[in-house]
């Protein structure tokens, strides 16, 4: 009888404490519902808004790297040529996920998309001067570090 009362007492004390700690950790991990994620914001954009966003990024890219108008036109053409391929790849991945594809199948699609992006990057880099290419590498490294942290 003494064992039961002491275990009940310990349970009565520990259960609320563990629950309180778990609630505190869960509330810290919650996302603010008033602020949609970047991905959710991107999905809500109309085609015109997406195009405007691309133009804004292109202008920033031009200023940061010091691109000429000719380079901007060439880079834009490269990106436009890859856009349908990347979109098709994303749609394939989405269809596979909905059908319950294996991790290996999804990984193969992801690798294909990664290779397409690398090809596009290499073509863009070929249009740049050595100084601009070096700046681009630094920007890419900063972006990678920001994503990892």
N, C-alpha and C. Protein backbone atom coordinates (compact mmCIF):
# COMPACT_ATOMS: atom_id res chain seq x y z
N UNK A 1 0.83 -1.19 0.00
CA UNK A 1 0.00 0.00 0.00
C UNK A 1 0.87 1.25 0.00
N UNK A 2 1.96 1.21 0.75
CA UNK A 2 2.84 2.35 0.82
C UNK A 2 3.47 2.62 -0.55
N UNK A 3 3.78 1.57 -1.30
CA UNK A 3 4.38 1.70 -2.62
C UNK A 3 3.42 2.41 -3.58
N UNK A 4 2.16 2.07 -3.55
CA UNK A 4 1.16 2.68 -4.42
C UNK A 4 1.01 4.18 -4.13
N UNK A 5 0.94 4.53 -2.86
CA UNK A 5 0.74 5.94 -2.53
C UNK A 5 1.95 6.78 -2.92
N UNK A 6 3.16 6.22 -2.78
CA UNK A 6 4.34 6.99 -3.16
C UNK A 6 4.44 7.11 -4.68
N UNK A 7 4.07 6.06 -5.41
CA UNK A 7 4.12 6.14 -6.87
C UNK A 7 3.04 7.09 -7.39
N UNK A 8 1.88 7.12 -6.72
CA UNK A 8 0.84 8.06 -7.10
C UNK A 8 1.30 9.50 -6.84
N UNK A 9 1.98 9.69 -5.73
CA UNK A 9 2.47 11.02 -5.39
C UNK A 9 3.51 11.48 -6.42
N UNK A 10 4.44 10.60 -6.78
CA UNK A 10 5.46 10.94 -7.77
C UNK A 10 4.80 11.23 -9.12
N UNK A 11 3.83 10.41 -9.50
CA UNK A 11 3.12 10.63 -10.76
C UNK A 11 2.36 11.94 -10.74
N UNK A 12 1.73 12.23 -9.63
CA UNK A 12 0.95 13.46 -9.50
C UNK A 12 1.86 14.69 -9.60
N UNK A 13 3.09 14.56 -9.16
CA UNK A 13 4.01 15.69 -9.22
C UNK A 13 4.69 15.78 -10.59
N UNK A 14 5.15 14.65 -11.11
CA UNK A 14 5.91 14.65 -12.36
C UNK A 14 5.06 14.90 -13.60
N UNK A 15 3.86 14.39 -13.64
CA UNK A 15 3.03 14.52 -14.83
C UNK A 15 2.77 15.98 -15.19
N UNK A 16 2.35 16.83 -14.26
CA UNK A 16 2.15 18.23 -14.63
C UNK A 16 3.46 18.93 -15.03
N UNK A 17 4.56 18.57 -14.37
CA UNK A 17 5.84 19.20 -14.69
C UNK A 17 6.27 18.82 -16.10
N UNK A 18 6.17 17.55 -16.45
CA UNK A 18 6.55 17.10 -17.79
C UNK A 18 5.63 17.74 -18.83
N UNK A 19 4.35 17.81 -18.56
CA UNK A 19 3.41 18.46 -19.47
C UNK A 19 3.72 19.93 -19.65
N UNK A 20 4.05 20.59 -18.58
CA UNK A 20 4.37 22.01 -18.63
C UNK A 20 5.63 22.24 -19.48
N UNK A 21 6.64 21.41 -19.29
CA UNK A 21 7.88 21.52 -20.07
C UNK A 21 7.59 21.25 -21.55
N UNK A 22 6.82 20.24 -21.84
CA UNK A 22 6.50 19.90 -23.22
C UNK A 22 5.71 21.02 -23.89
N UNK A 23 4.80 21.63 -23.15
CA UNK A 23 4.02 22.74 -23.72
C UNK A 23 4.93 23.92 -24.02
N UNK A 24 5.88 24.18 -23.15
CA UNK A 24 6.80 25.28 -23.36
C UNK A 24 7.65 25.06 -24.59
N UNK A 25 8.11 23.84 -24.80
CA UNK A 25 8.92 23.54 -25.98
C UNK A 25 8.07 23.60 -27.24
N UNK A 26 6.86 23.13 -27.17
CA UNK A 26 5.98 23.13 -28.35
C UNK A 26 5.63 24.56 -28.74
N UNK A 27 5.41 25.43 -27.76
CA UNK A 27 5.04 26.80 -28.09
C UNK A 27 6.21 27.55 -28.71
N UNK A 28 7.42 27.20 -28.33
CA UNK A 28 8.58 27.84 -28.93
C UNK A 28 8.75 27.41 -30.38
N UNK A 29 8.36 26.19 -30.72
CA UNK A 29 8.55 25.66 -32.06
C UNK A 29 7.42 26.07 -33.01
N UNK A 30 6.34 26.62 -32.49
CA UNK A 30 5.21 26.96 -33.33
C UNK A 30 5.54 28.15 -34.22
N UNK A 31 4.96 28.12 -35.41
CA UNK A 31 5.12 29.21 -36.36
C UNK A 31 4.01 30.20 -36.13
N UNK A 32 4.32 31.45 -36.25
CA UNK A 32 3.31 32.49 -36.09
C UNK A 32 2.27 32.33 -37.20
N UNK A 33 1.01 32.05 -36.84
CA UNK A 33 0.01 31.82 -37.88
C UNK A 33 -0.31 33.06 -38.69
N UNK A 34 0.01 34.24 -38.17
CA UNK A 34 -0.25 35.47 -38.91
C UNK A 34 0.80 35.73 -39.98
N UNK A 35 1.94 35.04 -39.90
CA UNK A 35 2.99 35.22 -40.89
C UNK A 35 3.12 33.94 -41.70
N UNK A 36 2.67 33.96 -42.95
CA UNK A 36 2.81 32.75 -43.77
C UNK A 36 4.27 32.50 -44.11
N UNK A 37 4.59 31.25 -44.35
CA UNK A 37 5.96 30.91 -44.70
C UNK A 37 6.29 31.46 -46.07
N UNK A 38 7.56 31.50 -46.38
CA UNK A 38 8.01 32.00 -47.68
C UNK A 38 7.40 31.17 -48.80
N UNK A 39 7.38 29.86 -48.60
CA UNK A 39 6.82 28.97 -49.62
C UNK A 39 5.33 29.25 -49.82
N UNK A 40 4.60 29.45 -48.74
CA UNK A 40 3.18 29.74 -48.85
C UNK A 40 2.96 31.08 -49.55
N UNK A 41 3.81 32.05 -49.25
CA UNK A 41 3.71 33.35 -49.93
C UNK A 41 3.97 33.19 -51.42
N UNK A 42 4.95 32.38 -51.77
CA UNK A 42 5.30 32.17 -53.16
C UNK A 42 4.14 31.53 -53.93
N UNK A 43 3.46 30.59 -53.30
CA UNK A 43 2.34 29.91 -53.96
C UNK A 43 1.15 30.83 -54.18
N UNK A 44 1.00 31.83 -53.34
CA UNK A 44 -0.13 32.74 -53.45
C UNK A 44 0.07 33.81 -54.52
N UNK A 45 1.27 33.94 -55.03
CA UNK A 45 1.54 34.99 -56.00
C UNK A 45 0.93 34.65 -57.36
N UNK A 46 0.41 35.67 -58.01
CA UNK A 46 -0.12 35.50 -59.36
C UNK A 46 1.05 35.43 -60.33
N UNK A 47 0.82 34.98 -61.56
CA UNK A 47 1.92 34.95 -62.54
C UNK A 47 2.56 36.32 -62.76
N UNK A 48 1.74 37.37 -62.72
CA UNK A 48 2.28 38.71 -62.91
C UNK A 48 3.19 39.09 -61.73
N UNK A 49 2.77 38.73 -60.52
CA UNK A 49 3.58 39.03 -59.34
C UNK A 49 4.88 38.24 -59.35
N UNK A 50 4.81 36.98 -59.82
CA UNK A 50 6.02 36.17 -59.92
C UNK A 50 6.99 36.79 -60.93
N UNK A 51 6.45 37.25 -62.06
CA UNK A 51 7.29 37.88 -63.08
C UNK A 51 7.93 39.16 -62.54
N UNK A 52 7.15 39.94 -61.79
CA UNK A 52 7.69 41.17 -61.20
C UNK A 52 8.79 40.84 -60.20
N UNK A 53 8.61 39.78 -59.44
CA UNK A 53 9.62 39.37 -58.47
C UNK A 53 10.90 38.93 -59.17
N UNK A 54 10.75 38.20 -60.30
CA UNK A 54 11.92 37.79 -61.08
C UNK A 54 12.66 39.00 -61.62
N UNK A 55 11.91 39.99 -62.11
CA UNK A 55 12.52 41.21 -62.64
C UNK A 55 13.29 41.96 -61.55
N UNK A 56 12.70 42.01 -60.37
CA UNK A 56 13.36 42.70 -59.26
C UNK A 56 14.67 42.00 -58.89
N UNK A 57 14.64 40.67 -58.84
CA UNK A 57 15.86 39.91 -58.54
C UNK A 57 16.90 40.10 -59.64
N UNK A 58 16.44 40.15 -60.89
CA UNK A 58 17.36 40.35 -62.01
C UNK A 58 18.04 41.71 -61.90
N UNK A 59 17.28 42.74 -61.51
CA UNK A 59 17.86 44.08 -61.34
C UNK A 59 18.89 44.09 -60.22
N UNK A 60 18.58 43.39 -59.11
CA UNK A 60 19.53 43.32 -58.00
C UNK A 60 20.80 42.56 -58.43
N UNK A 61 20.59 41.50 -59.18
CA UNK A 61 21.68 40.68 -59.70
C UNK A 61 22.56 41.53 -60.61
N UNK A 62 21.93 42.31 -61.48
CA UNK A 62 22.66 43.18 -62.42
C UNK A 62 23.51 44.19 -61.65
N UNK A 63 22.92 44.79 -60.64
CA UNK A 63 23.64 45.80 -59.87
C UNK A 63 24.78 45.17 -59.07
N UNK A 64 24.51 44.06 -58.41
CA UNK A 64 25.51 43.42 -57.55
C UNK A 64 26.72 42.95 -58.35
N UNK A 65 26.47 42.31 -59.50
CA UNK A 65 27.57 41.77 -60.29
C UNK A 65 28.11 42.76 -61.32
N UNK A 66 27.39 43.86 -61.55
CA UNK A 66 27.83 44.83 -62.54
C UNK A 66 27.66 44.30 -63.96
N UNK A 67 26.51 43.71 -64.24
CA UNK A 67 26.26 43.10 -65.55
C UNK A 67 25.92 44.16 -66.59
N UNK A 68 26.27 43.85 -67.83
CA UNK A 68 25.88 44.71 -68.94
C UNK A 68 24.46 44.32 -69.37
N UNK A 69 23.83 45.17 -70.17
CA UNK A 69 22.48 44.86 -70.66
C UNK A 69 22.49 43.59 -71.51
N UNK A 70 23.56 43.41 -72.29
CA UNK A 70 23.67 42.21 -73.12
C UNK A 70 23.75 40.95 -72.25
N UNK A 71 24.52 41.02 -71.19
CA UNK A 71 24.63 39.87 -70.28
C UNK A 71 23.29 39.57 -69.62
N UNK A 72 22.57 40.61 -69.24
CA UNK A 72 21.26 40.43 -68.61
C UNK A 72 20.33 39.71 -69.58
N UNK A 73 20.35 40.12 -70.84
CA UNK A 73 19.49 39.49 -71.85
C UNK A 73 19.86 38.03 -72.04
N UNK A 74 21.15 37.73 -72.11
CA UNK A 74 21.60 36.35 -72.29
C UNK A 74 21.23 35.48 -71.09
N UNK A 75 21.42 36.01 -69.90
CA UNK A 75 21.10 35.26 -68.68
C UNK A 75 19.59 35.01 -68.59
N UNK A 76 18.82 36.01 -68.96
CA UNK A 76 17.36 35.87 -68.94
C UNK A 76 16.93 34.76 -69.89
N UNK A 77 17.55 34.70 -71.06
CA UNK A 77 17.23 33.66 -72.05
C UNK A 77 17.59 32.28 -71.51
N UNK A 78 18.73 32.18 -70.84
CA UNK A 78 19.14 30.90 -70.26
C UNK A 78 18.12 30.45 -69.22
N UNK A 79 17.76 31.36 -68.33
CA UNK A 79 16.80 31.01 -67.27
C UNK A 79 15.45 30.62 -67.86
N UNK A 80 15.01 31.33 -68.89
CA UNK A 80 13.73 31.00 -69.52
C UNK A 80 13.77 29.64 -70.21
N UNK A 81 14.92 29.27 -70.73
CA UNK A 81 15.02 27.96 -71.39
C UNK A 81 14.95 26.82 -70.37
N UNK A 82 15.41 27.06 -69.15
CA UNK A 82 15.39 26.02 -68.12
C UNK A 82 14.09 25.99 -67.32
N UNK A 83 13.36 27.08 -67.31
CA UNK A 83 12.15 27.16 -66.49
C UNK A 83 11.15 26.03 -66.79
N UNK A 84 10.82 25.73 -68.06
CA UNK A 84 9.87 24.64 -68.32
C UNK A 84 10.39 23.27 -67.88
N UNK A 85 11.69 23.05 -68.05
CA UNK A 85 12.27 21.77 -67.63
C UNK A 85 12.16 21.59 -66.12
N UNK A 86 12.47 22.64 -65.38
CA UNK A 86 12.40 22.57 -63.92
C UNK A 86 10.95 22.42 -63.46
N UNK A 87 10.04 23.11 -64.13
CA UNK A 87 8.63 23.01 -63.76
C UNK A 87 8.12 21.60 -63.99
N UNK A 88 8.49 21.00 -65.11
CA UNK A 88 8.08 19.62 -65.41
C UNK A 88 8.63 18.68 -64.35
N UNK A 89 9.87 18.88 -63.96
CA UNK A 89 10.48 18.03 -62.94
C UNK A 89 9.75 18.16 -61.61
N UNK A 90 9.38 19.40 -61.23
CA UNK A 90 8.64 19.60 -59.98
C UNK A 90 7.27 18.90 -60.04
N UNK A 91 6.62 19.00 -61.19
CA UNK A 91 5.31 18.37 -61.35
C UNK A 91 5.42 16.85 -61.27
N UNK A 92 6.48 16.30 -61.86
CA UNK A 92 6.70 14.85 -61.78
C UNK A 92 6.88 14.42 -60.32
N UNK A 93 7.67 15.19 -59.59
CA UNK A 93 7.91 14.86 -58.18
C UNK A 93 6.61 14.93 -57.39
N UNK A 94 5.80 15.94 -57.66
CA UNK A 94 4.53 16.08 -56.96
C UNK A 94 3.62 14.90 -57.26
N UNK A 95 3.56 14.50 -58.52
CA UNK A 95 2.72 13.35 -58.91
C UNK A 95 3.22 12.07 -58.25
N UNK A 96 4.53 11.90 -58.18
CA UNK A 96 5.09 10.71 -57.53
C UNK A 96 4.77 10.70 -56.04
N UNK A 97 4.89 11.87 -55.39
CA UNK A 97 4.58 11.94 -53.96
C UNK A 97 3.12 11.58 -53.70
N UNK A 98 2.24 12.09 -54.56
CA UNK A 98 0.81 11.82 -54.37
C UNK A 98 0.48 10.35 -54.57
N UNK A 99 1.26 9.66 -55.41
CA UNK A 99 1.03 8.22 -55.63
C UNK A 99 1.76 7.37 -54.61
N UNK A 100 2.48 8.01 -53.70
CA UNK A 100 3.18 7.27 -52.65
C UNK A 100 4.46 6.63 -53.15
N UNK A 101 5.24 7.36 -53.92
CA UNK A 101 6.48 6.85 -54.48
C UNK A 101 7.51 6.59 -53.38
N UNK A 102 8.47 5.77 -53.72
CA UNK A 102 9.53 5.45 -52.77
C UNK A 102 10.51 6.61 -52.67
N UNK A 103 11.31 6.58 -51.61
CA UNK A 103 12.32 7.62 -51.41
C UNK A 103 13.32 7.63 -52.56
N UNK A 104 13.64 6.45 -53.08
CA UNK A 104 14.61 6.37 -54.17
C UNK A 104 14.10 7.08 -55.42
N UNK A 105 12.82 6.90 -55.73
CA UNK A 105 12.24 7.56 -56.91
C UNK A 105 12.26 9.08 -56.73
N UNK A 106 11.87 9.54 -55.54
CA UNK A 106 11.87 10.97 -55.27
C UNK A 106 13.29 11.53 -55.27
N UNK A 107 14.22 10.75 -54.76
CA UNK A 107 15.62 11.18 -54.74
C UNK A 107 16.15 11.31 -56.16
N UNK A 108 15.74 10.42 -57.06
CA UNK A 108 16.19 10.48 -58.46
C UNK A 108 15.67 11.75 -59.13
N UNK A 109 14.42 12.10 -58.88
CA UNK A 109 13.85 13.33 -59.44
C UNK A 109 14.56 14.55 -58.87
N UNK A 110 14.81 14.53 -57.57
CA UNK A 110 15.51 15.63 -56.91
C UNK A 110 16.91 15.81 -57.51
N UNK A 111 17.59 14.69 -57.74
CA UNK A 111 18.93 14.73 -58.33
C UNK A 111 18.87 15.29 -59.75
N UNK A 112 17.85 14.90 -60.50
CA UNK A 112 17.68 15.41 -61.86
C UNK A 112 17.50 16.93 -61.85
N UNK A 113 16.67 17.42 -60.92
CA UNK A 113 16.44 18.86 -60.80
C UNK A 113 17.73 19.58 -60.39
N UNK A 114 18.47 18.98 -59.50
CA UNK A 114 19.73 19.56 -59.05
C UNK A 114 20.72 19.66 -60.21
N UNK A 115 20.76 18.63 -61.05
CA UNK A 115 21.65 18.65 -62.21
C UNK A 115 21.22 19.72 -63.22
N UNK A 116 19.91 19.88 -63.40
CA UNK A 116 19.41 20.93 -64.30
C UNK A 116 19.82 22.31 -63.79
N UNK A 117 19.65 22.53 -62.48
CA UNK A 117 20.03 23.82 -61.90
C UNK A 117 21.54 24.06 -62.04
N UNK A 118 22.34 23.01 -61.88
CA UNK A 118 23.79 23.15 -62.02
C UNK A 118 24.15 23.47 -63.46
N UNK A 119 23.49 22.84 -64.42
CA UNK A 119 23.74 23.15 -65.84
C UNK A 119 23.40 24.61 -66.13
N UNK A 120 22.27 25.06 -65.62
CA UNK A 120 21.86 26.43 -65.82
C UNK A 120 22.89 27.38 -65.21
N UNK A 121 23.33 27.09 -64.01
CA UNK A 121 24.32 27.90 -63.32
C UNK A 121 25.61 27.97 -64.13
N UNK A 122 26.04 26.83 -64.67
CA UNK A 122 27.27 26.81 -65.46
C UNK A 122 27.14 27.64 -66.73
N UNK A 123 25.98 27.58 -67.37
CA UNK A 123 25.75 28.38 -68.57
C UNK A 123 25.75 29.87 -68.23
N UNK A 124 25.12 30.21 -67.12
CA UNK A 124 25.10 31.62 -66.71
C UNK A 124 26.52 32.08 -66.38
N UNK A 125 27.25 31.25 -65.67
CA UNK A 125 28.60 31.61 -65.27
C UNK A 125 29.50 31.79 -66.49
N UNK A 126 29.23 31.05 -67.56
CA UNK A 126 30.03 31.18 -68.79
C UNK A 126 29.83 32.55 -69.45
N UNK A 127 28.71 33.19 -69.17
CA UNK A 127 28.43 34.51 -69.74
C UNK A 127 29.10 35.64 -68.96
N UNK A 128 29.67 35.34 -67.82
CA UNK A 128 30.24 36.36 -66.94
C UNK A 128 31.74 36.52 -67.17
N UNK A 129 32.24 37.69 -66.79
CA UNK A 129 33.68 37.91 -66.78
C UNK A 129 34.25 37.18 -65.56
N UNK A 130 35.56 36.97 -65.53
CA UNK A 130 36.14 36.28 -64.36
C UNK A 130 35.85 36.99 -63.03
N UNK A 131 35.85 38.31 -63.03
CA UNK A 131 35.57 39.05 -61.80
C UNK A 131 34.11 38.85 -61.37
N UNK A 132 33.22 38.90 -62.35
CA UNK A 132 31.79 38.69 -62.05
C UNK A 132 31.55 37.27 -61.57
N UNK A 133 32.23 36.31 -62.18
CA UNK A 133 32.09 34.91 -61.77
C UNK A 133 32.56 34.72 -60.33
N UNK A 134 33.63 35.42 -59.97
CA UNK A 134 34.14 35.33 -58.60
C UNK A 134 33.12 35.92 -57.61
N UNK A 135 32.53 37.06 -57.98
CA UNK A 135 31.49 37.65 -57.14
C UNK A 135 30.31 36.71 -56.99
N UNK A 136 29.94 36.06 -58.10
CA UNK A 136 28.83 35.11 -58.06
C UNK A 136 29.12 33.95 -57.12
N UNK A 137 30.34 33.44 -57.16
CA UNK A 137 30.73 32.35 -56.25
C UNK A 137 30.61 32.79 -54.80
N UNK A 138 31.04 34.02 -54.51
CA UNK A 138 30.94 34.53 -53.14
C UNK A 138 29.49 34.66 -52.71
N UNK A 139 28.63 35.15 -53.61
CA UNK A 139 27.20 35.26 -53.30
C UNK A 139 26.58 33.89 -53.04
N UNK A 140 26.97 32.93 -53.86
CA UNK A 140 26.45 31.57 -53.70
C UNK A 140 26.89 30.98 -52.36
N UNK A 141 28.13 31.22 -51.98
CA UNK A 141 28.64 30.71 -50.69
C UNK A 141 27.90 31.36 -49.53
N UNK A 142 27.65 32.68 -49.63
CA UNK A 142 26.90 33.37 -48.57
C UNK A 142 25.49 32.80 -48.44
N UNK A 143 24.85 32.58 -49.60
CA UNK A 143 23.49 32.04 -49.59
C UNK A 143 23.47 30.64 -48.97
N UNK A 144 24.46 29.84 -49.31
CA UNK A 144 24.56 28.48 -48.76
C UNK A 144 24.73 28.53 -47.24
N UNK A 145 25.59 29.44 -46.77
CA UNK A 145 25.82 29.58 -45.32
C UNK A 145 24.54 30.05 -44.61
N UNK A 146 23.85 31.00 -45.24
CA UNK A 146 22.61 31.51 -44.64
C UNK A 146 21.55 30.41 -44.53
N UNK A 147 21.49 29.57 -45.57
CA UNK A 147 20.51 28.49 -45.57
C UNK A 147 20.84 27.45 -44.49
N UNK A 148 22.10 27.21 -44.26
CA UNK A 148 22.51 26.20 -43.29
C UNK A 148 22.35 26.67 -41.85
N UNK A 149 22.39 27.98 -41.63
CA UNK A 149 22.28 28.47 -40.25
C UNK A 149 20.84 28.73 -39.87
